[in-house]
């Protein structure tokens, strides 16, 4: 059974959790790796040129939730 950390939370609460995760808990190179997977046609230079924060903000809430869940699982399995 996979636990859903967003179950019973409002979109506002979910956004706060994800924002804290992105701003406080992830190193810059991990952010780059995540965005490279989310934008497969982009290079590191292009991501930086467009702005890491801007690229993150342009992802949908569902995409961010998937990223959060994959990173959360990774922390406990590796």
C-alpha atoms as a PDB file:
ATOM      1  CA  UNK A   1       0.000   0.000   0.000  1.00  0.00           C
ATOM      2  CA  UNK A   2       1.377   3.404  -0.975  1.00  0.00           C
ATOM      3  CA  UNK A   3       0.595   6.253   1.379  1.00  0.00           C
ATOM      4  CA  UNK A   4      -0.578   9.483  -0.185  1.00  0.00           C
ATOM      5  CA  UNK A   5       0.907  12.407   1.772  1.00  0.00           C
ATOM      6  CA  UNK A   6      -1.623  14.714   0.101  1.00  0.00           C
ATOM      7  CA  UNK A   7      -4.736  12.813   1.015  1.00  0.00           C
ATOM      8  CA  UNK A   8      -7.264  14.986   2.846  1.00  0.00           C
ATOM      9  CA  UNK A   9      -5.255  18.149   2.138  1.00  0.00           C
ATOM     10  CA  UNK A  10      -6.442  21.218   0.264  1.00  0.00           C
ATOM     11  CA  UNK A  11      -4.629  22.456  -2.842  1.00  0.00           C
ATOM     12  CA  UNK A  12      -3.312  25.345  -0.743  1.00  0.00           C
ATOM     13  CA  UNK A  13      -1.843  22.941   1.834  1.00  0.00           C
ATOM     14  CA  UNK A  14      -0.366  20.797  -0.926  1.00  0.00           C
ATOM     15  CA  UNK A  15       1.238  23.826  -2.569  1.00  0.00           C
ATOM     16  CA  UNK A  16       2.793  24.794   0.789  1.00  0.00           C
ATOM     17  CA  UNK A  17       4.227  21.293   1.338  1.00  0.00           C
ATOM     18  CA  UNK A  18       5.662  21.189  -2.172  1.00  0.00           C
ATOM     19  CA  UNK A  19       6.993  24.739  -1.943  1.00  0.00           C
ATOM     20  CA  UNK A  20       8.793  23.968   1.320  1.00  0.00           C
ATOM     21  CA  UNK A  21      10.188  20.790  -0.214  1.00  0.00           C
ATOM     22  CA  UNK A  22      11.473  22.629  -3.307  1.00  0.00           C
ATOM     23  CA  UNK A  23      12.845  25.698  -1.531  1.00  0.00           C
ATOM     24  CA  UNK A  24      14.330  24.143   1.603  1.00  0.00           C
ATOM     25  CA  UNK A  25      15.059  20.478   1.024  1.00  0.00           C
ATOM     26  CA  UNK A  26      16.580  20.116  -2.416  1.00  0.00           C
ATOM     27  CA  UNK A  27      20.092  20.941  -3.562  1.00  0.00           C
ATOM     28  CA  UNK A  28      20.558  22.953  -6.736  1.00  0.00           C
ATOM     29  CA  UNK A  29      21.914  20.032  -8.776  1.00  0.00           C
ATOM     30  CA  UNK A  30      18.970  17.862  -7.748  1.00  0.00           C
ATOM     31  CA  UNK A  31      16.622  20.620  -8.930  1.00  0.00           C
ATOM     32  CA  UNK A  32      18.423  20.616 -12.281  1.00  0.00           C
ATOM     33  CA  UNK A  33      18.097  16.819 -12.535  1.00  0.00           C
ATOM     34  CA  UNK A  34      14.386  16.970 -11.731  1.00  0.00           C
ATOM     35  CA  UNK A  35      13.750  19.691 -14.299  1.00  0.00           C
ATOM     36  CA  UNK A  36      15.766  17.875 -16.968  1.00  0.00           C
ATOM     37  CA  UNK A  37      13.412  14.920 -16.547  1.00  0.00           C
ATOM     38  CA  UNK A  38      10.382  17.209 -16.643  1.00  0.00           C
ATOM     39  CA  UNK A  39      11.637  19.074 -19.732  1.00  0.00           C
ATOM     40  CA  UNK A  40      13.409  16.387 -21.783  1.00  0.00           C
ATOM     41  CA  UNK A  41      14.218  18.713 -24.689  1.00  0.00           C
ATOM     42  CA  UNK A  42      16.066  21.179 -22.481  1.00  0.00           C
ATOM     43  CA  UNK A  43      19.740  21.359 -21.591  1.00  0.00           C
ATOM     44  CA  UNK A  44      21.128  22.596 -18.285  1.00  0.00           C
ATOM     45  CA  UNK A  45      22.073  25.873 -19.951  1.00  0.00           C
ATOM     46  CA  UNK A  46      18.584  26.372 -21.323  1.00  0.00           C
ATOM     47  CA  UNK A  47      16.994  25.651 -17.919  1.00  0.00           C
ATOM     48  CA  UNK A  48      19.298  28.157 -16.242  1.00  0.00           C
ATOM     49  CA  UNK A  49      18.691  30.712 -18.976  1.00  0.00           C
ATOM     50  CA  UNK A  50      14.918  30.399 -18.560  1.00  0.00           C
ATOM     51  CA  UNK A  51      15.180  30.400 -14.776  1.00  0.00           C
ATOM     52  CA  UNK A  52      15.020  27.371 -12.500  1.00  0.00           C
ATOM     53  CA  UNK A  53      12.262  28.873 -10.344  1.00  0.00           C
ATOM     54  CA  UNK A  54      10.213  29.922 -13.363  1.00  0.00           C
ATOM     55  CA  UNK A  55      10.474  26.461 -14.908  1.00  0.00           C
ATOM     56  CA  UNK A  56       9.413  24.853 -11.637  1.00  0.00           C
ATOM     57  CA  UNK A  57       6.437  27.195 -11.298  1.00  0.00           C
ATOM     58  CA  UNK A  58       5.273  26.340 -14.808  1.00  0.00           C
ATOM     59  CA  UNK A  59       4.801  22.675 -13.891  1.00  0.00           C
ATOM     60  CA  UNK A  60       1.274  21.596 -12.991  1.00  0.00           C
ATOM     61  CA  UNK A  61       0.347  20.716  -9.429  1.00  0.00           C
ATOM     62  CA  UNK A  62      -0.016  17.058 -10.443  1.00  0.00           C
ATOM     63  CA  UNK A  63       3.502  17.047 -11.917  1.00  0.00           C
ATOM     64  CA  UNK A  64       4.888  18.601  -8.736  1.00  0.00           C
ATOM     65  CA  UNK A  65       3.072  16.038  -6.603  1.00  0.00           C
ATOM     66  CA  UNK A  66       4.564  13.222  -8.689  1.00  0.00           C
ATOM     67  CA  UNK A  67       8.042  14.719  -8.312  1.00  0.00           C
ATOM     68  CA  UNK A  68       7.560  15.166  -4.568  1.00  0.00           C
ATOM     69  CA  UNK A  69       6.406  11.569  -4.185  1.00  0.00           C
ATOM     70  CA  UNK A  70       9.275  10.183  -6.261  1.00  0.00           C
ATOM     71  CA  UNK A  71      11.862  12.175  -4.288  1.00  0.00           C
ATOM     72  CA  UNK A  72      10.250  11.226  -0.984  1.00  0.00           C
ATOM     73  CA  UNK A  73      10.376   7.517  -1.869  1.00  0.00           C
ATOM     74  CA  UNK A  74      13.970   7.868  -3.068  1.00  0.00           C
ATOM     75  CA  UNK A  75      15.053   9.323   0.277  1.00  0.00           C
ATOM     76  CA  UNK A  76      13.837   6.254   2.146  1.00  0.00           C
ATOM     77  CA  UNK A  77      14.799   3.526  -0.286  1.00  0.00           C
ATOM     78  CA  UNK A  78      18.388   4.516  -1.170  1.00  0.00           C
END
